[in-house]
Amino acid sequence: MNVLIVEDDKVLSLLLSKMVETLNYNVLGLCTKGSEAITKTEELSPDVVLMDIMLEDTMDGIEAVKAIQKNDKKVKIIYVTGNSDAYNRGRAAETDYVDFLVKPVRLDNLKQALKKIDPSL
């Protein structure tokens, strides 16, 4: 399974990358901006996007997911965020996502979320 990581904190991005690799999945790339995530998703066709909500640019992760899902209905989304308030959860509910993980993310949390996509994990 190929994974795109969208996270503006470089340390967390690398940590998520290591977790994905530990679970024997392929990291296609790392993005820090919503606009970049849209472009990379179109270019790389990941199976899964790990998406932070608050990003570097004016477009947040939820807006990016909406744009991604307009172009690609198959890509699976797992939100990985520190913004678990009712407002952001409500906005995220407007998208089709697999799981909503709250930071700090542990390997077993990520594994359970990915298992919803790949039961063989």
N, C-alpha and C. Protein backbone atom coordinates (compact mmCIF):
# COMPACT_ATOMS: atom_id res chain seq x y z
N MET A 1 0.86 -1.17 0.00
CA MET A 1 0.00 0.00 0.00
C MET A 1 0.90 1.23 0.00
N ASN A 2 0.52 2.21 -0.80
CA ASN A 2 1.29 3.44 -0.93
C ASN A 2 0.63 4.58 -0.16
N VAL A 3 1.44 5.30 0.62
CA VAL A 3 0.93 6.32 1.54
C VAL A 3 1.58 7.67 1.25
N LEU A 4 0.75 8.70 1.23
CA LEU A 4 1.22 10.08 1.15
C LEU A 4 0.98 10.72 2.51
N ILE A 5 1.98 11.38 3.06
CA ILE A 5 1.87 12.01 4.37
C ILE A 5 1.82 13.52 4.19
N VAL A 6 0.78 14.13 4.76
CA VAL A 6 0.60 15.58 4.69
C VAL A 6 0.62 16.10 6.12
N GLU A 7 1.76 16.70 6.49
CA GLU A 7 2.00 17.15 7.87
C GLU A 7 3.00 18.29 7.82
N ASP A 8 2.65 19.43 8.43
CA ASP A 8 3.57 20.57 8.35
C ASP A 8 4.65 20.57 9.43
N ASP A 9 4.54 19.73 10.43
CA ASP A 9 5.59 19.60 11.44
C ASP A 9 6.57 18.54 10.94
N LYS A 10 7.78 18.95 10.63
CA LYS A 10 8.75 18.06 10.00
C LYS A 10 9.12 16.86 10.89
N VAL A 11 9.18 17.06 12.18
CA VAL A 11 9.50 15.97 13.09
C VAL A 11 8.37 14.93 13.09
N LEU A 12 7.12 15.41 13.18
CA LEU A 12 5.99 14.49 13.15
C LEU A 12 5.88 13.80 11.80
N SER A 13 6.19 14.51 10.74
CA SER A 13 6.16 13.94 9.41
C SER A 13 7.14 12.76 9.30
N LEU A 14 8.34 12.97 9.81
CA LEU A 14 9.33 11.89 9.78
C LEU A 14 8.93 10.73 10.68
N LEU A 15 8.34 11.03 11.82
CA LEU A 15 7.88 9.99 12.74
C LEU A 15 6.78 9.15 12.08
N LEU A 16 5.81 9.82 11.44
CA LEU A 16 4.75 9.09 10.74
C LEU A 16 5.33 8.24 9.61
N SER A 17 6.30 8.79 8.92
CA SER A 17 6.96 8.07 7.84
C SER A 17 7.60 6.79 8.36
N LYS A 18 8.31 6.88 9.47
CA LYS A 18 8.94 5.69 10.06
C LYS A 18 7.90 4.67 10.50
N MET A 19 6.78 5.15 11.05
CA MET A 19 5.71 4.24 11.47
C MET A 19 5.13 3.49 10.27
N VAL A 20 4.88 4.22 9.19
CA VAL A 20 4.33 3.61 7.98
C VAL A 20 5.30 2.55 7.45
N GLU A 21 6.57 2.88 7.42
CA GLU A 21 7.57 1.93 6.95
C GLU A 21 7.70 0.72 7.88
N THR A 22 7.56 0.94 9.18
CA THR A 22 7.59 -0.15 10.15
C THR A 22 6.46 -1.14 9.89
N LEU A 23 5.33 -0.62 9.40
CA LEU A 23 4.17 -1.47 9.08
C LEU A 23 4.26 -2.05 7.66
N ASN A 24 5.44 -1.89 7.06
CA ASN A 24 5.75 -2.44 5.73
C ASN A 24 4.94 -1.83 4.59
N TYR A 25 4.66 -0.55 4.71
CA TYR A 25 4.01 0.19 3.62
C TYR A 25 5.00 1.17 3.03
N ASN A 26 4.69 1.64 1.85
CA ASN A 26 5.58 2.53 1.10
C ASN A 26 5.14 3.98 1.27
N VAL A 27 6.07 4.85 1.67
CA VAL A 27 5.80 6.28 1.75
C VAL A 27 6.15 6.89 0.40
N LEU A 28 5.13 7.40 -0.30
CA LEU A 28 5.35 7.99 -1.62
C LEU A 28 5.94 9.39 -1.53
N GLY A 29 5.58 10.11 -0.46
CA GLY A 29 6.07 11.46 -0.33
C GLY A 29 5.56 12.14 0.93
N LEU A 30 6.15 13.30 1.21
CA LEU A 30 5.79 14.11 2.36
C LEU A 30 5.41 15.49 1.86
N CYS A 31 4.29 16.01 2.32
CA CYS A 31 3.83 17.35 1.94
C CYS A 31 3.59 18.18 3.20
N THR A 32 3.71 19.51 3.05
CA THR A 32 3.44 20.39 4.19
C THR A 32 2.27 21.33 3.92
N LYS A 33 1.77 21.34 2.67
CA LYS A 33 0.70 22.26 2.29
C LYS A 33 -0.45 21.53 1.63
N GLY A 34 -1.66 22.05 1.80
CA GLY A 34 -2.83 21.44 1.18
C GLY A 34 -2.76 21.43 -0.32
N SER A 35 -2.33 22.54 -0.90
CA SER A 35 -2.23 22.63 -2.36
C SER A 35 -1.23 21.61 -2.91
N GLU A 36 -0.15 21.42 -2.17
CA GLU A 36 0.87 20.44 -2.56
C GLU A 36 0.29 19.03 -2.47
N ALA A 37 -0.53 18.77 -1.45
CA ALA A 37 -1.15 17.46 -1.27
C ALA A 37 -2.06 17.11 -2.45
N ILE A 38 -2.79 18.10 -2.94
CA ILE A 38 -3.68 17.88 -4.08
C ILE A 38 -2.86 17.48 -5.31
N THR A 39 -1.81 18.24 -5.57
CA THR A 39 -0.96 17.97 -6.73
C THR A 39 -0.29 16.61 -6.61
N LYS A 40 0.28 16.31 -5.45
CA LYS A 40 0.98 15.04 -5.25
C LYS A 40 0.03 13.85 -5.35
N THR A 41 -1.20 14.03 -4.87
CA THR A 41 -2.17 12.94 -4.97
C THR A 41 -2.49 12.65 -6.43
N GLU A 42 -2.64 13.70 -7.22
CA GLU A 42 -2.90 13.51 -8.65
C GLU A 42 -1.72 12.85 -9.33
N GLU A 43 -0.50 13.26 -8.98
CA GLU A 43 0.71 12.74 -9.62
C GLU A 43 1.04 11.31 -9.20
N LEU A 44 0.91 11.01 -7.91
CA LEU A 44 1.41 9.76 -7.35
C LEU A 44 0.35 8.68 -7.12
N SER A 45 -0.93 9.04 -7.12
CA SER A 45 -2.04 8.10 -6.88
C SER A 45 -1.82 7.21 -5.66
N PRO A 46 -1.70 7.81 -4.47
CA PRO A 46 -1.53 6.98 -3.27
C PRO A 46 -2.80 6.21 -2.95
N ASP A 47 -2.65 5.14 -2.21
CA ASP A 47 -3.81 4.40 -1.72
C ASP A 47 -4.40 5.10 -0.50
N VAL A 48 -3.52 5.70 0.30
CA VAL A 48 -3.91 6.35 1.55
C VAL A 48 -3.20 7.69 1.68
N VAL A 49 -3.93 8.67 2.22
CA VAL A 49 -3.32 9.96 2.58
C VAL A 49 -3.51 10.15 4.08
N LEU A 50 -2.39 10.32 4.79
CA LEU A 50 -2.43 10.70 6.20
C LEU A 50 -2.43 12.22 6.20
N MET A 51 -3.54 12.82 6.65
CA MET A 51 -3.76 14.26 6.48
C MET A 51 -3.89 14.98 7.82
N ASP A 52 -2.99 15.94 8.04
CA ASP A 52 -3.13 16.85 9.17
C ASP A 52 -4.20 17.88 8.80
N ILE A 53 -4.85 18.48 9.78
CA ILE A 53 -5.86 19.49 9.47
C ILE A 53 -5.25 20.87 9.33
N MET A 54 -4.44 21.29 10.30
CA MET A 54 -3.82 22.61 10.22
C MET A 54 -2.50 22.49 9.48
N LEU A 55 -2.41 23.21 8.35
CA LEU A 55 -1.23 23.13 7.49
C LEU A 55 -0.59 24.50 7.31
N GLU A 56 0.54 24.53 6.61
CA GLU A 56 1.32 25.75 6.43
C GLU A 56 0.62 26.85 5.64
N ASP A 57 -0.18 26.48 4.66
CA ASP A 57 -0.75 27.50 3.78
C ASP A 57 -2.19 27.86 4.16
N THR A 58 -2.84 28.61 3.33
CA THR A 58 -4.20 29.08 3.62
C THR A 58 -5.23 27.97 3.50
N MET A 59 -4.89 26.91 2.80
CA MET A 59 -5.79 25.76 2.66
C MET A 59 -5.50 24.75 3.75
N ASP A 60 -6.51 24.41 4.54
CA ASP A 60 -6.27 23.41 5.58
C ASP A 60 -6.50 22.00 5.01
N GLY A 61 -6.26 21.01 5.86
CA GLY A 61 -6.34 19.62 5.42
C GLY A 61 -7.72 19.18 4.98
N ILE A 62 -8.75 19.69 5.63
CA ILE A 62 -10.11 19.31 5.26
C ILE A 62 -10.46 19.86 3.88
N GLU A 63 -10.09 21.10 3.62
CA GLU A 63 -10.31 21.68 2.29
C GLU A 63 -9.54 20.89 1.23
N ALA A 64 -8.31 20.50 1.56
CA ALA A 64 -7.50 19.72 0.63
C ALA A 64 -8.15 18.37 0.35
N VAL A 65 -8.67 17.72 1.38
CA VAL A 65 -9.33 16.42 1.20
C VAL A 65 -10.55 16.57 0.29
N LYS A 66 -11.32 17.61 0.48
CA LYS A 66 -12.49 17.82 -0.40
C LYS A 66 -12.06 17.93 -1.85
N ALA A 67 -10.98 18.66 -2.11
CA ALA A 67 -10.47 18.80 -3.48
C ALA A 67 -9.93 17.47 -4.00
N ILE A 68 -9.22 16.75 -3.16
CA ILE A 68 -8.67 15.45 -3.55
C ILE A 68 -9.80 14.49 -3.91
N GLN A 69 -10.84 14.46 -3.08
CA GLN A 69 -11.93 13.52 -3.30
C GLN A 69 -12.79 13.88 -4.52
N LYS A 70 -12.75 15.12 -4.96
CA LYS A 70 -13.43 15.48 -6.21
C LYS A 70 -12.75 14.80 -7.39
N ASN A 71 -11.42 14.69 -7.31
CA ASN A 71 -10.63 14.12 -8.41
C ASN A 71 -10.43 12.62 -8.29
N ASP A 72 -10.44 12.09 -7.07
CA ASP A 72 -10.12 10.68 -6.84
C ASP A 72 -11.00 10.13 -5.72
N LYS A 73 -12.02 9.42 -6.09
CA LYS A 73 -12.96 8.86 -5.10
C LYS A 73 -12.39 7.64 -4.38
N LYS A 74 -11.31 7.04 -4.92
CA LYS A 74 -10.78 5.80 -4.35
C LYS A 74 -9.79 6.02 -3.22
N VAL A 75 -9.09 7.15 -3.22
CA VAL A 75 -8.06 7.37 -2.21
C VAL A 75 -8.68 7.40 -0.82
N LYS A 76 -8.04 6.70 0.10
CA LYS A 76 -8.51 6.63 1.49
C LYS A 76 -7.83 7.72 2.31
N ILE A 77 -8.59 8.32 3.21
CA ILE A 77 -8.08 9.42 4.04
C ILE A 77 -8.09 9.01 5.50
N ILE A 78 -6.97 9.25 6.17
CA ILE A 78 -6.89 9.12 7.62
C ILE A 78 -6.41 10.47 8.14
N TYR A 79 -7.26 11.12 8.91
CA TYR A 79 -6.84 12.39 9.51
C TYR A 79 -5.93 12.10 10.69
N VAL A 80 -4.85 12.86 10.79
CA VAL A 80 -3.91 12.77 11.90
C VAL A 80 -3.74 14.21 12.39
N THR A 81 -4.36 14.53 13.51
CA THR A 81 -4.43 15.94 13.89
C THR A 81 -4.45 16.18 15.39
N GLY A 82 -4.10 17.37 15.75
CA GLY A 82 -4.22 17.82 17.13
C GLY A 82 -5.50 18.62 17.32
N ASN A 83 -6.23 18.82 16.23
CA ASN A 83 -7.47 19.61 16.23
C ASN A 83 -8.69 18.71 16.26
N SER A 84 -8.99 18.18 17.43
CA SER A 84 -10.09 17.23 17.55
C SER A 84 -11.36 17.88 18.12
N ASP A 85 -11.43 19.21 18.06
CA ASP A 85 -12.59 19.91 18.58
C ASP A 85 -13.83 19.60 17.72
N ALA A 86 -15.00 19.92 18.26
CA ALA A 86 -16.26 19.61 17.58
C ALA A 86 -16.35 20.29 16.21
N TYR A 87 -15.85 21.50 16.10
CA TYR A 87 -15.91 22.23 14.83
C TYR A 87 -15.15 21.47 13.73
N ASN A 88 -13.91 21.09 14.01
CA ASN A 88 -13.12 20.38 13.00
C ASN A 88 -13.62 18.97 12.75
N ARG A 89 -14.11 18.31 13.77
CA ARG A 89 -14.70 16.97 13.56
C ARG A 89 -15.94 17.07 12.68
N GLY A 90 -16.73 18.11 12.89
CA GLY A 90 -17.91 18.32 12.06
C GLY A 90 -17.54 18.59 10.61
N ARG A 91 -16.52 19.40 10.40
CA ARG A 91 -16.05 19.68 9.04
C ARG A 91 -15.48 18.42 8.40
N ALA A 92 -14.74 17.65 9.17
CA ALA A 92 -14.16 16.42 8.63
C ALA A 92 -15.26 15.43 8.25
N ALA A 93 -16.36 15.44 9.00
CA ALA A 93 -17.47 14.53 8.73
C ALA A 93 -18.10 14.79 7.36
N GLU A 94 -17.83 15.96 6.78
CA GLU A 94 -18.33 16.27 5.44
C GLU A 94 -17.51 15.58 4.36
N THR A 95 -16.42 14.93 4.76
CA THR A 95 -15.58 14.19 3.82
C THR A 95 -15.73 12.70 4.12
N ASP A 96 -15.27 11.89 3.19
CA ASP A 96 -15.32 10.45 3.38
C ASP A 96 -13.94 10.02 3.88
N TYR A 97 -13.84 9.75 5.18
CA TYR A 97 -12.55 9.35 5.73
C TYR A 97 -12.65 8.03 6.47
N VAL A 98 -11.52 7.38 6.63
CA VAL A 98 -11.45 6.07 7.26
C VAL A 98 -11.33 6.18 8.76
N ASP A 99 -10.50 7.12 9.23
CA ASP A 99 -10.28 7.27 10.67
C ASP A 99 -9.82 8.69 10.98
N PHE A 100 -9.94 9.05 12.25
CA PHE A 100 -9.59 10.37 12.75
C PHE A 100 -8.69 10.14 13.96
N LEU A 101 -7.38 10.23 13.76
CA LEU A 101 -6.43 9.98 14.83
C LEU A 101 -5.98 11.30 15.46
N VAL A 102 -5.96 11.32 16.78
CA VAL A 102 -5.56 12.53 17.51
C VAL A 102 -4.11 12.37 17.95
N LYS A 103 -3.32 13.41 17.69
CA LYS A 103 -1.91 13.43 18.10
C LYS A 103 -1.81 13.48 19.61
N PRO A 104 -0.79 12.89 20.17
CA PRO A 104 0.28 12.13 19.52
C PRO A 104 -0.21 10.75 19.08
N VAL A 105 0.17 10.36 17.88
CA VAL A 105 -0.24 9.08 17.32
C VAL A 105 0.78 8.02 17.70
N ARG A 106 0.27 6.90 18.17
CA ARG A 106 1.14 5.76 18.48
C ARG A 106 1.07 4.75 17.34
N LEU A 107 2.06 3.93 17.25
CA LEU A 107 2.12 2.93 16.19
C LEU A 107 0.87 2.05 16.18
N ASP A 108 0.41 1.62 17.35
CA ASP A 108 -0.76 0.74 17.39
C ASP A 108 -2.02 1.46 16.91
N ASN A 109 -2.14 2.78 17.17
CA ASN A 109 -3.28 3.55 16.65
C ASN A 109 -3.25 3.58 15.12
N LEU A 110 -2.08 3.87 14.57
CA LEU A 110 -1.95 3.93 13.12
C LEU A 110 -2.20 2.56 12.50
N LYS A 111 -1.70 1.53 13.14
CA LYS A 111 -1.91 0.17 12.63
C LYS A 111 -3.39 -0.17 12.59
N GLN A 112 -4.13 0.16 13.64
CA GLN A 112 -5.57 -0.11 13.67
C GLN A 112 -6.30 0.65 12.57
N ALA A 113 -5.91 1.90 12.34
CA ALA A 113 -6.54 2.71 11.29
C ALA A 113 -6.25 2.10 9.91
N LEU A 114 -5.00 1.71 9.67
CA LEU A 114 -4.64 1.12 8.38
C LEU A 114 -5.26 -0.25 8.19
N LYS A 115 -5.53 -0.95 9.27
CA LYS A 115 -6.17 -2.26 9.21
C LYS A 115 -7.59 -2.16 8.64
N LYS A 116 -8.21 -1.00 8.82
CA LYS A 116 -9.55 -0.79 8.26
C LYS A 116 -9.50 -0.77 6.74
N ILE A 117 -8.34 -0.46 6.20
CA ILE A 117 -8.15 -0.43 4.75
C ILE A 117 -7.55 -1.74 4.25
N ASP A 118 -6.59 -2.25 5.02
CA ASP A 118 -5.88 -3.48 4.65
C ASP A 118 -5.98 -4.46 5.82
N PRO A 119 -7.02 -5.29 5.84
CA PRO A 119 -7.22 -6.23 6.95
C PRO A 119 -6.09 -7.23 7.16
N SER A 120 -5.21 -7.39 6.18
CA SER A 120 -4.12 -8.34 6.31
C SER A 120 -3.00 -7.83 7.22
N LEU A 121 -3.07 -6.56 7.62
CA LEU A 121 -2.03 -5.96 8.44
C LEU A 121 -1.95 -6.65 9.80
